[in-house]
Amino acid sequence: MITAPFEYHAPRTVPEALQLLGSLGDDAKLLAGGHSLLPMMKLRFAAPTHLIDLGRIDSLRGISQADGEVHIGAMTTEHDIVNSKLLAEKVPLLVEGARLIADPQVRYKGTIGGDISHGDPGNDHPALMLALDASFVLTGPNGQRVVKADGYFLGLYTTLLEPGEIMTQIRIPVPATGTGAAYQKLKRKTGDYATAASAVVLRIKGGVVDDVRIGLTNVASTALRANAAEDALKGKAINDASLNEAARLAMSICEPMEDLRGDAQYKRAMCGEMTRRALQTAYQRAAK
């Protein structure tokens, strides 16, 4: 189908984009990579009368390190994340996760900020952000505010991003020595959303779990953090018993919807299995 008519705007700076967003109000939508918004417009599920394309704002792209954090511009593409030497060295989990997003054509245009801001529980970055203890810089007419990923995702397509704000940067603490991480994703075919997926960041000290964060993809109306599973693992060795308990607790918070990828029981079981595998892989990487 063809989209409803709209006016196209291509600001060159964040202040210019904010001015447009403020003046056009609810009739405007921000355009990042376009992989979520444009299909919805073609199906007439969305019909904004103005599109504000962020693609020409150079300050919204790039990957750098500062003060023990990796900073990523919100318009940085998945392709750039996959090929970043800095991320491969400092935050390899993000590279691993980006490689599993869709296919190369999508990754050339899709952006990390667009993926996160959309609030789709099937997107991969939300769970990765929860596991990595990320923060987001949200810029609006009254300046910037920084919010944690944990608590940012409120529900289906719903986040803490307020009308008139733009996500401008993602900040990720560089994991400490002795940390391992993994993203395990079950999907039917290349380019598909996850049937279920689990992101794990795990630190081992003295042979036991010193710290762990677990994020879950596409098993509820939003990405989930498996707090009870994390608590059960802390101070424990990684073995069959602790893995089984963590998987059970991760499954207990899942509320998946039945679709072509499987029924709720199957998705819940696969969440447990992906969590188990991610924990095992993260532990092996932490032990090296």
Protein backbone atom coordinates (compact mmCIF):
# COMPACT_ATOMS: atom_id res chain seq x y z
CA MET A 1 0.00 0.00 0.00
CA ILE A 2 0.93 3.66 -0.37
CA THR A 3 1.28 5.90 2.67
CA ALA A 4 -1.06 8.78 3.38
CA PRO A 5 0.35 12.16 2.26
CA PHE A 6 2.94 13.75 4.53
CA GLU A 7 5.50 16.55 4.58
CA TYR A 8 9.15 15.61 4.88
CA HIS A 9 11.64 17.53 7.05
CA ALA A 10 15.40 16.91 7.23
CA PRO A 11 16.96 18.98 10.03
CA ARG A 12 20.75 19.23 10.31
CA THR A 13 20.99 19.75 14.07
CA VAL A 14 19.29 18.49 17.22
CA PRO A 15 17.96 21.99 18.14
CA GLU A 16 16.42 22.27 14.68
CA ALA A 17 14.78 18.86 15.06
CA LEU A 18 13.45 19.80 18.51
CA GLN A 19 12.03 23.05 17.15
CA LEU A 20 10.21 21.14 14.41
CA LEU A 21 8.95 18.54 16.84
CA GLY A 22 7.65 21.23 19.18
CA SER A 23 5.96 23.30 16.52
CA LEU A 24 4.38 20.38 14.64
CA GLY A 25 3.26 18.53 17.78
CA ASP A 26 1.26 15.31 17.55
CA ASP A 27 1.08 15.50 13.77
CA ALA A 28 4.82 14.75 13.50
CA LYS A 29 6.83 11.55 13.86
CA LEU A 30 10.58 11.10 14.12
CA LEU A 31 12.20 8.96 11.43
CA ALA A 32 15.35 6.99 12.30
CA GLY A 33 16.04 3.88 10.22
CA GLY A 34 12.40 3.62 9.20
CA HIS A 35 12.04 -0.16 9.48
CA SER A 36 9.20 0.07 11.99
CA LEU A 37 7.49 3.35 11.11
CA LEU A 38 7.37 3.12 7.31
CA PRO A 39 5.70 -0.33 7.19
CA MET A 40 3.10 0.93 9.68
CA MET A 41 2.50 3.96 7.46
CA LYS A 42 2.09 1.79 4.39
CA LEU A 43 -0.51 -0.30 6.21
CA ARG A 44 -2.20 2.93 7.42
CA PHE A 45 -1.67 1.91 11.05
CA ALA A 46 0.15 5.25 11.36
CA ALA A 47 -0.58 8.38 9.36
CA PRO A 48 1.60 11.29 10.51
CA THR A 49 1.27 14.43 8.43
CA HIS A 50 4.93 15.32 9.05
CA LEU A 51 8.07 13.16 9.12
CA ILE A 52 11.21 14.53 10.78
CA ASP A 53 14.20 12.60 9.43
CA LEU A 54 17.10 12.48 11.91
CA GLY A 55 19.45 10.89 9.37
CA ARG A 56 21.29 14.11 8.45
CA ILE A 57 22.23 15.05 12.01
CA ASP A 58 25.90 14.09 12.19
CA SER A 59 26.12 14.63 15.96
CA LEU A 60 23.74 11.70 16.51
CA ARG A 61 26.19 9.18 15.07
CA GLY A 62 29.41 7.74 16.43
CA ILE A 63 30.95 5.47 19.07
CA SER A 64 33.45 6.69 21.67
CA GLN A 65 34.70 6.02 25.19
CA ALA A 66 34.62 8.52 28.07
CA ASP A 67 34.84 8.20 31.86
CA GLY A 68 34.57 4.42 31.95
CA GLU A 69 31.59 4.36 29.59
CA VAL A 70 31.03 3.71 25.92
CA HIS A 71 28.89 6.42 24.32
CA ILE A 72 26.88 5.61 21.20
CA GLY A 73 24.96 8.16 19.15
CA ALA A 74 21.32 7.19 18.77
CA MET A 75 21.51 7.27 14.96
CA THR A 76 24.46 4.88 14.85
CA THR A 77 23.52 1.97 12.60
CA GLU A 78 23.60 -1.71 13.47
CA HIS A 79 26.22 -2.13 10.74
CA ASP A 80 28.49 0.36 12.49
CA ILE A 81 27.98 -1.44 15.81
CA VAL A 82 28.86 -4.81 14.29
CA ASN A 83 32.06 -3.39 12.80
CA SER A 84 33.20 -1.26 15.75
CA LYS A 85 36.62 -2.27 17.08
CA LEU A 86 35.97 -0.32 20.28
CA LEU A 87 32.75 -2.22 20.98
CA ALA A 88 34.35 -5.55 20.08
CA GLU A 89 36.99 -4.86 22.74
CA LYS A 90 34.93 -3.14 25.45
CA VAL A 91 31.30 -4.30 25.00
CA PRO A 92 31.35 -7.42 22.82
CA LEU A 93 27.82 -8.39 23.89
CA LEU A 94 26.46 -5.45 21.90
CA VAL A 95 28.30 -6.62 18.78
CA GLU A 96 27.04 -10.18 19.30
CA GLY A 97 23.47 -8.96 19.68
CA ALA A 98 23.59 -6.63 16.66
CA ARG A 99 24.80 -9.48 14.46
CA LEU A 100 21.56 -11.32 15.24
CA ILE A 101 19.30 -8.45 14.21
CA ALA A 102 17.50 -9.11 10.94
CA ASP A 103 19.90 -9.22 7.97
CA PRO A 104 22.74 -7.10 6.50
CA GLN A 105 20.39 -4.91 4.44
CA VAL A 106 18.37 -4.00 7.51
CA ARG A 107 21.50 -3.46 9.61
CA TYR A 108 22.85 -0.91 7.10
CA LYS A 109 19.86 1.37 7.80
CA GLY A 110 18.48 0.33 11.19
CA THR A 111 19.68 2.40 14.15
CA ILE A 112 20.23 1.55 17.79
CA GLY A 113 18.21 4.55 18.98
CA GLY A 114 15.29 3.70 16.73
CA ASP A 115 15.28 0.10 17.93
CA ILE A 116 15.23 1.17 21.59
CA SER A 117 12.81 4.09 21.26
CA HIS A 118 10.16 2.07 19.43
CA GLY A 119 9.51 0.00 22.56
CA ASP A 120 8.79 -3.19 20.61
CA PRO A 121 9.23 -6.27 22.88
CA GLY A 122 10.48 -8.19 19.84
CA ASN A 123 13.42 -5.84 19.30
CA ASP A 124 16.76 -7.07 20.59
CA HIS A 125 18.37 -3.95 22.03
CA PRO A 126 16.01 -3.43 24.99
CA ALA A 127 17.04 -6.69 26.69
CA LEU A 128 20.69 -6.06 25.81
CA MET A 129 20.43 -2.61 27.41
CA LEU A 130 18.94 -4.09 30.60
CA ALA A 131 21.74 -6.64 30.84
CA LEU A 132 24.41 -4.00 30.16
CA ASP A 133 23.04 -1.52 32.74
CA ALA A 134 22.77 1.13 30.03
CA SER A 135 21.47 4.68 30.35
CA PHE A 136 19.81 6.85 27.73
CA VAL A 137 20.24 10.56 27.11
CA LEU A 138 16.87 12.12 26.26
CA THR A 139 17.01 15.65 24.87
CA GLY A 140 14.02 17.98 24.90
CA PRO A 141 13.14 21.67 24.85
CA ASN A 142 14.20 22.02 28.50
CA GLY A 143 17.57 20.31 28.08
CA GLN A 144 18.84 16.79 28.68
CA ARG A 145 17.94 14.09 31.16
CA VAL A 146 19.60 10.72 31.64
CA VAL A 147 17.43 7.70 32.47
CA LYS A 148 18.38 4.10 33.20
CA ALA A 149 17.36 1.34 30.82
CA ASP A 150 15.93 -0.51 33.82
CA GLY A 151 12.56 1.21 34.16
CA TYR A 152 12.60 2.89 30.73
CA PHE A 153 10.41 0.27 29.01
CA LEU A 154 6.88 0.64 30.35
CA GLY A 155 4.82 -1.61 28.08
CA LEU A 156 3.97 -2.38 24.48
CA TYR A 157 5.46 0.48 22.39
CA THR A 158 5.56 2.59 25.55
CA THR A 159 8.67 4.11 27.11
CA LEU A 160 9.72 7.03 29.30
CA LEU A 161 10.43 9.15 26.20
CA GLU A 162 8.16 12.19 26.48
CA PRO A 163 6.48 14.04 23.60
CA GLY A 164 8.92 16.62 22.29
CA GLU A 165 12.00 14.60 23.32
CA ILE A 166 14.61 12.83 21.19
CA MET A 167 16.88 10.02 22.33
CA THR A 168 20.32 11.34 21.46
CA GLN A 169 22.80 8.96 23.08
CA ILE A 170 23.21 5.55 24.71
CA ARG A 171 25.73 5.15 27.54
CA ILE A 172 27.05 1.75 28.60
CA PRO A 173 29.47 1.17 31.51
CA VAL A 174 32.55 -0.77 30.40
CA PRO A 175 32.23 -4.19 32.09
CA ALA A 176 34.78 -4.94 34.82
CA THR A 177 37.54 -7.53 34.57
CA GLY A 178 36.23 -11.05 35.09
CA THR A 179 32.97 -10.34 33.27
CA GLY A 180 31.50 -12.58 30.60
CA ALA A 181 28.42 -11.94 28.50
CA ALA A 182 26.23 -13.73 25.97
CA TYR A 183 23.05 -13.31 23.95
CA GLN A 184 21.15 -16.45 23.04
CA LYS A 185 18.33 -15.97 20.54
CA LEU A 186 15.95 -18.55 19.12
CA LYS A 187 14.33 -17.52 15.84
CA ARG A 188 12.70 -19.40 12.98
CA LYS A 189 14.73 -17.90 10.15
CA THR A 190 17.16 -15.13 9.28
CA GLY A 191 15.53 -11.74 9.73
CA ASP A 192 12.82 -12.92 12.10
CA TYR A 193 12.08 -11.64 15.58
CA ALA A 194 13.08 -13.87 18.46
CA THR A 195 10.77 -16.63 19.56
CA ALA A 196 12.56 -16.02 22.85
CA ALA A 197 15.98 -14.63 23.74
CA SER A 198 18.10 -13.95 26.80
CA ALA A 199 20.96 -11.50 27.37
CA VAL A 200 23.35 -12.15 30.27
CA VAL A 201 26.23 -10.17 31.78
CA LEU A 202 27.97 -12.21 34.48
CA ARG A 203 30.93 -11.48 36.76
CA ILE A 204 32.71 -14.28 38.61
CA LYS A 205 34.80 -13.77 41.74
CA GLY A 206 36.28 -16.54 43.88
CA GLY A 207 34.54 -19.19 41.81
CA VAL A 208 31.02 -17.86 42.45
CA VAL A 209 28.71 -15.31 40.86
CA ASP A 210 29.61 -11.85 42.13
CA ASP A 211 27.16 -9.97 39.92
CA VAL A 212 24.74 -10.86 37.13
CA ARG A 213 22.13 -9.11 35.00
CA ILE A 214 19.62 -10.93 32.78
CA GLY A 215 17.39 -9.32 30.13
CA LEU A 216 14.65 -11.21 28.27
CA THR A 217 13.37 -10.55 24.73
CA ASN A 218 9.85 -11.09 23.31
CA VAL A 219 8.32 -13.02 26.20
CA ALA A 220 6.04 -10.24 27.51
CA SER A 221 4.62 -6.87 26.45
CA THR A 222 8.06 -5.35 27.04
CA ALA A 223 11.63 -6.47 27.64
CA LEU A 224 12.01 -7.96 31.10
CA ARG A 225 14.77 -7.99 33.67
CA ALA A 226 14.89 -11.31 35.52
CA ASN A 227 15.62 -9.94 38.99
CA ALA A 228 14.65 -13.08 40.93
CA ALA A 229 16.86 -15.25 38.74
CA GLU A 230 19.74 -12.82 39.28
CA ASP A 231 19.29 -12.87 43.05
CA ALA A 232 19.21 -16.67 43.11
CA LEU A 233 22.55 -16.86 41.30
CA LYS A 234 24.53 -14.37 43.39
CA GLY A 235 27.06 -16.06 45.64
CA LYS A 236 26.48 -19.41 43.94
CA ALA A 237 28.66 -21.50 41.68
CA ILE A 238 27.45 -22.06 38.14
CA ASN A 239 26.29 -25.69 37.99
CA ASP A 240 23.25 -27.67 36.91
CA ALA A 241 21.29 -26.84 40.05
CA SER A 242 21.87 -23.07 39.91
CA LEU A 243 21.26 -22.96 36.16
CA ASN A 244 18.00 -24.88 36.50
CA GLU A 245 16.78 -22.55 39.24
CA ALA A 246 17.71 -19.43 37.28
CA ALA A 247 15.93 -20.78 34.19
CA ARG A 248 12.84 -21.62 36.26
CA LEU A 249 12.72 -18.14 37.77
CA ALA A 250 13.20 -16.48 34.38
CA MET A 251 10.33 -18.53 32.98
CA SER A 252 8.10 -17.58 35.91
CA ILE A 253 7.93 -13.91 34.88
CA CYS A 254 7.18 -14.57 31.21
CA GLU A 255 3.78 -13.65 29.78
CA PRO A 256 4.25 -14.44 26.07
CA MET A 257 1.50 -14.10 23.47
CA GLU A 258 0.68 -16.99 21.18
CA ASP A 259 1.53 -16.38 17.52
CA LEU A 260 3.10 -18.12 14.54
CA ARG A 261 6.34 -18.54 16.50
CA GLY A 262 4.65 -20.78 19.06
CA ASP A 263 2.18 -20.97 21.89
CA ALA A 264 2.77 -19.48 25.32
CA GLN A 265 3.99 -22.72 26.90
CA TYR A 266 6.59 -23.27 24.17
CA LYS A 267 7.86 -19.67 24.32
CA ARG A 268 8.13 -19.82 28.09
CA ALA A 269 10.13 -23.05 27.88
CA MET A 270 12.41 -21.57 25.23
CA CYS A 271 13.02 -18.52 27.40
CA GLY A 272 14.27 -20.86 30.13
CA GLU A 273 16.51 -22.69 27.68
CA MET A 274 17.93 -19.49 26.18
CA THR A 275 18.64 -18.20 29.69
CA ARG A 276 20.41 -21.41 30.62
CA ARG A 277 22.55 -21.30 27.46
CA ALA A 278 23.37 -17.61 27.86
CA LEU A 279 24.46 -18.16 31.46
CA GLN A 280 26.65 -21.10 30.49
CA THR A 281 28.32 -19.17 27.67
CA ALA A 282 28.79 -16.04 29.78
CA TYR A 283 30.35 -18.13 32.55
CA GLN A 284 32.78 -19.77 30.11
CA ARG A 285 33.79 -16.36 28.78
CA ALA A 286 34.20 -14.91 32.27
CA ALA A 287 36.45 -17.78 33.30
CA LYS A 288 38.97 -17.15 30.49
